[in-house]
PDB file of N, CA and C in Angstrom:
ATOM      1  N   MET A   1     110.670  87.516 129.250  1.00  0.00           N
ATOM      2  CA  MET A   1     109.671  86.657 128.671  1.00  0.00           C
ATOM      3  C   MET A   1     108.865  87.441 127.639  1.00  0.00           C
ATOM      4  N   GLN A   2     108.702  86.869 126.456  1.00  0.00           N
ATOM      5  CA  GLN A   2     107.936  87.514 125.407  1.00  0.00           C
ATOM      6  C   GLN A   2     106.459  87.163 125.512  1.00  0.00           C
ATOM      7  N   LYS A   3     105.603  88.160 125.355  1.00  0.00           N
ATOM      8  CA  LYS A   3     104.158  87.966 125.340  1.00  0.00           C
ATOM      9  C   LYS A   3     103.694  87.882 123.893  1.00  0.00           C
ATOM     10  N   ILE A   4     102.713  87.027 123.625  1.00  0.00           N
ATOM     11  CA  ILE A   4     102.115  86.913 122.300  1.00  0.00           C
ATOM     12  C   ILE A   4     100.620  87.153 122.444  1.00  0.00           C
ATOM     13  N   VAL A   5     100.077  88.059 121.634  1.00  0.00           N
ATOM     14  CA  VAL A   5      98.648  88.369 121.649  1.00  0.00           C
ATOM     15  C   VAL A   5      98.097  88.130 120.253  1.00  0.00           C
ATOM     16  N   HIS A   6      96.943  87.461 120.182  1.00  0.00           N
ATOM     17  CA  HIS A   6      96.238  87.261 118.913  1.00  0.00           C
ATOM     18  C   HIS A   6      94.958  88.086 118.947  1.00  0.00           C
ATOM     19  N   VAL A   7      94.746  88.888 117.914  1.00  0.00           N
ATOM     20  CA  VAL A   7      93.514  89.659 117.757  1.00  0.00           C
ATOM     21  C   VAL A   7      92.761  89.011 116.603  1.00  0.00           C
ATOM     22  N   ARG A   8      91.599  88.394 116.937  1.00  0.00           N
ATOM     23  CA  ARG A   8      90.865  87.589 115.957  1.00  0.00           C
ATOM     24  C   ARG A   8      89.442  88.112 115.801  1.00  0.00           C
ATOM     25  N   PRO A   9      88.892  88.046 114.574  1.00  0.00           N
ATOM     26  CA  PRO A   9      87.478  88.372 114.401  1.00  0.00           C
ATOM     27  C   PRO A   9      86.621  87.211 114.888  1.00  0.00           C
ATOM     28  N   LEU A  10      85.557  87.519 115.612  1.00  0.00           N
ATOM     29  CA  LEU A  10      84.691  86.478 116.148  1.00  0.00           C
ATOM     30  C   LEU A  10      83.547  86.111 115.207  1.00  0.00           C
ATOM     31  N   ASP A  11      83.104  87.057 114.389  1.00  0.00           N
ATOM     32  CA  ASP A  11      81.940  86.820 113.545  1.00  0.00           C
ATOM     33  C   ASP A  11      82.321  86.642 112.070  1.00  0.00           C
ATOM     34  N   ASP A  12      83.428  85.972 111.827  1.00  0.00           N
ATOM     35  CA  ASP A  12      83.887  85.749 110.458  1.00  0.00           C
ATOM     36  C   ASP A  12      83.286  84.446 109.918  1.00  0.00           C
ATOM     37  N   VAL A  13      83.457  84.201 108.627  1.00  0.00           N
ATOM     38  CA  VAL A  13      82.910  82.997 107.993  1.00  0.00           C
ATOM     39  C   VAL A  13      83.754  81.760 108.291  1.00  0.00           C
ATOM     40  N   ILE A  14      84.978  81.943 108.796  1.00  0.00           N
ATOM     41  CA  ILE A  14      85.830  80.818 109.197  1.00  0.00           C
ATOM     42  C   ILE A  14      86.261  81.024 110.641  1.00  0.00           C
ATOM     43  N   GLY A  15      86.677  79.948 111.278  1.00  0.00           N
ATOM     44  CA  GLY A  15      87.260  80.050 112.611  1.00  0.00           C
ATOM     45  C   GLY A  15      88.724  80.446 112.492  1.00  0.00           C
ATOM     46  N   HIS A  16      89.243  81.109 113.491  1.00  0.00           N
ATOM     47  CA  HIS A  16      90.638  81.554 113.483  1.00  0.00           C
ATOM     48  C   HIS A  16      91.404  80.883 114.617  1.00  0.00           C
ATOM     49  N   GLU A  17      92.483  80.196 114.262  1.00  0.00           N
ATOM     50  CA  GLU A  17      93.327  79.508 115.244  1.00  0.00           C
ATOM     51  C   GLU A  17      94.212  80.517 115.968  1.00  0.00           C
ATOM     52  N   GLU A  18      94.532  80.237 117.212  1.00  0.00           N
ATOM     53  CA  GLU A  18      95.505  81.073 117.932  1.00  0.00           C
ATOM     54  C   GLU A  18      96.902  80.618 117.550  1.00  0.00           C
ATOM     55  N   SER A  19      97.238  80.850 116.298  1.00  0.00           N
ATOM     56  CA  SER A  19      98.524  80.398 115.774  1.00  0.00           C
ATOM     57  C   SER A  19      98.904  81.286 114.607  1.00  0.00           C
ATOM     58  N   HIS A  20     100.207  81.462 114.393  1.00  0.00           N
ATOM     59  CA  HIS A  20     100.639  82.211 113.207  1.00  0.00           C
ATOM     60  C   HIS A  20     100.463  81.365 111.946  1.00  0.00           C
ATOM     61  N   GLU A  21     100.052  80.102 112.099  1.00  0.00           N
ATOM     62  CA  GLU A  21      99.765  79.208 110.971  1.00  0.00           C
ATOM     63  C   GLU A  21      98.305  79.301 110.530  1.00  0.00           C
ATOM     64  N   CYS A  22      97.520  80.196 111.107  1.00  0.00           N
ATOM     65  CA  CYS A  22      96.097  80.329 110.784  1.00  0.00           C
ATOM     66  C   CYS A  22      95.922  80.592 109.286  1.00  0.00           C
ATOM     67  N   PRO A  23      94.898  79.994 108.656  1.00  0.00           N
ATOM     68  CA  PRO A  23      94.713  80.157 107.209  1.00  0.00           C
ATOM     69  C   PRO A  23      94.455  81.594 106.744  1.00  0.00           C
ATOM     70  N   CYS A  24      94.083  82.493 107.648  1.00  0.00           N
ATOM     71  CA  CYS A  24      93.821  83.873 107.234  1.00  0.00           C
ATOM     72  C   CYS A  24      95.106  84.658 107.007  1.00  0.00           C
ATOM     73  N   GLY A  25      96.239  84.081 107.360  1.00  0.00           N
ATOM     74  CA  GLY A  25      97.516  84.772 107.158  1.00  0.00           C
ATOM     75  C   GLY A  25      97.711  85.957 108.072  1.00  0.00           C
ATOM     76  N   PRO A  26      97.621  85.766 109.408  1.00  0.00           N
ATOM     77  CA  PRO A  26      97.789  86.918 110.298  1.00  0.00           C
ATOM     78  C   PRO A  26      99.193  87.500 110.191  1.00  0.00           C
ATOM     79  N   THR A  27      99.276  88.807 110.311  1.00  0.00           N
ATOM     80  CA  THR A  27     100.573  89.467 110.293  1.00  0.00           C
ATOM     81  C   THR A  27     101.022  89.721 111.718  1.00  0.00           C
ATOM     82  N   GLY A  28     102.294  89.529 111.986  1.00  0.00           N
ATOM     83  CA  GLY A  28     102.844  89.763 113.309  1.00  0.00           C
ATOM     84  C   GLY A  28     103.585  91.082 113.362  1.00  0.00           C
ATOM     85  N   LYS A  29     103.433  91.777 114.480  1.00  0.00           N
ATOM     86  CA  LYS A  29     104.131  93.050 114.678  1.00  0.00           C
ATOM     87  C   LYS A  29     104.786  93.020 116.044  1.00  0.00           C
ATOM     88  N   GLY A  30     106.074  93.271 116.070  1.00  0.00           N
ATOM     89  CA  GLY A  30     106.800  93.303 117.330  1.00  0.00           C
ATOM     90  C   GLY A  30     106.446  94.530 118.156  1.00  0.00           C
ATOM     91  N   VAL A  31     106.385  94.344 119.472  1.00  0.00           N
ATOM     92  CA  VAL A  31     106.134  95.436 120.405  1.00  0.00           C
ATOM     93  C   VAL A  31     107.402  95.612 121.226  1.00  0.00           C
ATOM     94  N   SER A  32     107.938  96.832 121.225  1.00  0.00           N
ATOM     95  CA  SER A  32     109.196  97.044 121.938  1.00  0.00           C
ATOM     96  C   SER A  32     109.032  98.058 123.059  1.00  0.00           C
ATOM     97  N   ASN A  33     109.927  97.952 124.032  1.00  0.00           N
ATOM     98  CA  ASN A  33     109.997  98.899 125.136  1.00  0.00           C
ATOM     99  C   ASN A  33     110.735 100.127 124.622  1.00  0.00           C
ATOM    100  N   PRO A  34     110.110 101.316 124.613  1.00  0.00           N
ATOM    101  CA  PRO A  34     110.772 102.498 124.057  1.00  0.00           C
ATOM    102  C   PRO A  34     112.056 102.885 124.790  1.00  0.00           C
ATOM    103  N   ALA A  35     112.145 102.570 126.071  1.00  0.00           N
ATOM    104  CA  ALA A  35     113.328 102.945 126.845  1.00  0.00           C
ATOM    105  C   ALA A  35     114.545 102.098 126.474  1.00  0.00           C
ATOM    106  N   THR A  36     114.306 100.815 126.215  1.00  0.00           N
ATOM    107  CA  THR A  36     115.432  99.914 125.939  1.00  0.00           C
ATOM    108  C   THR A  36     115.482  99.443 124.487  1.00  0.00           C
ATOM    109  N   GLU A  37     114.400  99.704 123.731  1.00  0.00           N
ATOM    110  CA  GLU A  37     114.251  99.237 122.351  1.00  0.00           C
ATOM    111  C   GLU A  37     114.285  97.711 122.246  1.00  0.00           C
ATOM    112  N   LYS A  38     114.064  97.036 123.368  1.00  0.00           N
ATOM    113  CA  LYS A  38     114.019  95.577 123.389  1.00  0.00           C
ATOM    114  C   LYS A  38     112.611  95.111 123.041  1.00  0.00           C
ATOM    115  N   VAL A  39     112.502  94.102 122.168  1.00  0.00           N
ATOM    116  CA  VAL A  39     111.200  93.556 121.810  1.00  0.00           C
ATOM    117  C   VAL A  39     110.665  92.759 122.998  1.00  0.00           C
ATOM    118  N   VAL A  40     109.455  93.111 123.441  1.00  0.00           N
ATOM    119  CA  VAL A  40     108.860  92.461 124.612  1.00  0.00           C
ATOM    120  C   VAL A  40     107.668  91.587 124.254  1.00  0.00           C
ATOM    121  N   GLY A  41     107.226  91.642 123.001  1.00  0.00           N
ATOM    122  CA  GLY A  41     106.089  90.829 122.606  1.00  0.00           C
ATOM    123  C   GLY A  41     105.773  90.955 121.133  1.00  0.00           C
ATOM    124  N   VAL A  42     104.773  90.181 120.713  1.00  0.00           N
ATOM    125  CA  VAL A  42     104.327  90.184 119.322  1.00  0.00           C
ATOM    126  C   VAL A  42     102.802  90.181 119.310  1.00  0.00           C
ATOM    127  N   ILE A  43     102.208  91.017 118.455  1.00  0.00           N
ATOM    128  CA  ILE A  43     100.763  91.017 118.246  1.00  0.00           C
ATOM    129  C   ILE A  43     100.497  90.441 116.864  1.00  0.00           C
ATOM    130  N   PHE A  44      99.692  89.364 116.808  1.00  0.00           N
ATOM    131  CA  PHE A  44      99.258  88.780 115.542  1.00  0.00           C
ATOM    132  C   PHE A  44      97.847  89.262 115.277  1.00  0.00           C
ATOM    133  N   HIS A  45      97.667  90.026 114.208  1.00  0.00           N
ATOM    134  CA  HIS A  45      96.343  90.529 113.851  1.00  0.00           C
ATOM    135  C   HIS A  45      95.803  89.686 112.709  1.00  0.00           C
ATOM    136  N   HIS A  46      94.734  88.951 112.975  1.00  0.00           N
ATOM    137  CA  HIS A  46      94.137  88.072 111.972  1.00  0.00           C
ATOM    138  C   HIS A  46      93.272  88.886 111.016  1.00  0.00           C
ATOM    139  N   HIS A  47      93.218  88.456 109.766  1.00  0.00           N
ATOM    140  CA  HIS A  47      92.477  89.167 108.730  1.00  0.00           C
ATOM    141  C   HIS A  47      91.108  88.529 108.533  1.00  0.00           C
ATOM    142  N   GLY A  48      90.056  89.322 108.674  1.00  0.00           N
ATOM    143  CA  GLY A  48      88.701  88.828 108.428  1.00  0.00           C
ATOM    144  C   GLY A  48      88.470  88.626 106.936  1.00  0.00           C
ATOM    145  N   LEU A  49      87.712  87.587 106.578  1.00  0.00           N
ATOM    146  CA  LEU A  49      87.405  87.338 105.173  1.00  0.00           C
ATOM    147  C   LEU A  49      86.250  88.210 104.700  1.00  0.00           C
ATOM    148  N   HIS A  50      85.480  88.772 105.621  1.00  0.00           N
ATOM    149  CA  HIS A  50      84.458  89.771 105.306  1.00  0.00           C
ATOM    150  C   HIS A  50      84.462  90.773 106.452  1.00  0.00           C
ATOM    151  N   PRO A  51      83.866  91.960 106.282  1.00  0.00           N
ATOM    152  CA  PRO A  51      83.899  92.946 107.370  1.00  0.00           C
ATOM    153  C   PRO A  51      83.316  92.376 108.667  1.00  0.00           C
ATOM    154  N   CYS A  52      84.101  92.416 109.715  1.00  0.00           N
ATOM    155  CA  CYS A  52      83.695  91.865 111.011  1.00  0.00           C
ATOM    156  C   CYS A  52      83.435  92.991 112.008  1.00  0.00           C
ATOM    157  N   HIS A  53      82.497  92.752 112.905  1.00  0.00           N
ATOM    158  CA  HIS A  53      82.125  93.752 113.895  1.00  0.00           C
ATOM    159  C   HIS A  53      82.576  93.368 115.302  1.00  0.00           C
ATOM    160  N   GLU A  54      82.863  92.086 115.514  1.00  0.00           N
ATOM    161  CA  GLU A  54      83.272  91.627 116.839  1.00  0.00           C
ATOM    162  C   GLU A  54      84.680  91.055 116.776  1.00  0.00           C
ATOM    163  N   TRP A  55      85.541  91.525 117.687  1.00  0.00           N
ATOM    164  CA  TRP A  55      86.930  91.091 117.733  1.00  0.00           C
ATOM    165  C   TRP A  55      87.259  90.658 119.150  1.00  0.00           C
ATOM    166  N   GLU A  56      88.257  89.795 119.273  1.00  0.00           N
ATOM    167  CA  GLU A  56      88.695  89.330 120.584  1.00  0.00           C
ATOM    168  C   GLU A  56      90.216  89.299 120.611  1.00  0.00           C
ATOM    169  N   ALA A  57      90.792  89.761 121.692  1.00  0.00           N
ATOM    170  CA  ALA A  57      92.234  89.676 121.883  1.00  0.00           C
ATOM    171  C   ALA A  57      92.496  88.665 122.990  1.00  0.00           C
ATOM    172  N   SER A  58      93.434  87.762 122.742  1.00  0.00           N
ATOM    173  CA  SER A  58      93.778  86.776 123.768  1.00  0.00           C
ATOM    174  C   SER A  58      95.289  86.586 123.772  1.00  0.00           C
ATOM    175  N   SER A  59      95.828  86.434 124.952  1.00  0.00           N
ATOM    176  CA  SER A  59      97.272  86.252 125.085  1.00  0.00           C
ATOM    177  C   SER A  59      97.596  84.810 125.387  1.00  0.00           C
ATOM    178  N   LEU A  60      98.741  84.396 124.926  1.00  0.00           N
ATOM    179  CA  LEU A  60      99.210  83.020 125.169  1.00  0.00           C
ATOM    180  C   LEU A  60     100.256  83.026 126.258  1.00  0.00           C
TER     181      LEU A  60
END
């Protein structure tokens, strides 16, 4: 089972959806198990429109 984690800024000028369709254009990065090189999840890091100080990570 693949895990998906979204890392979103909380104090940005816009709200960020827990989706790769979010208007901020989050980039996804695969996370793999070093022993098997199998991808076990994806981290979507959302881009703040201005410097943000508060972030939240949530898994789906």
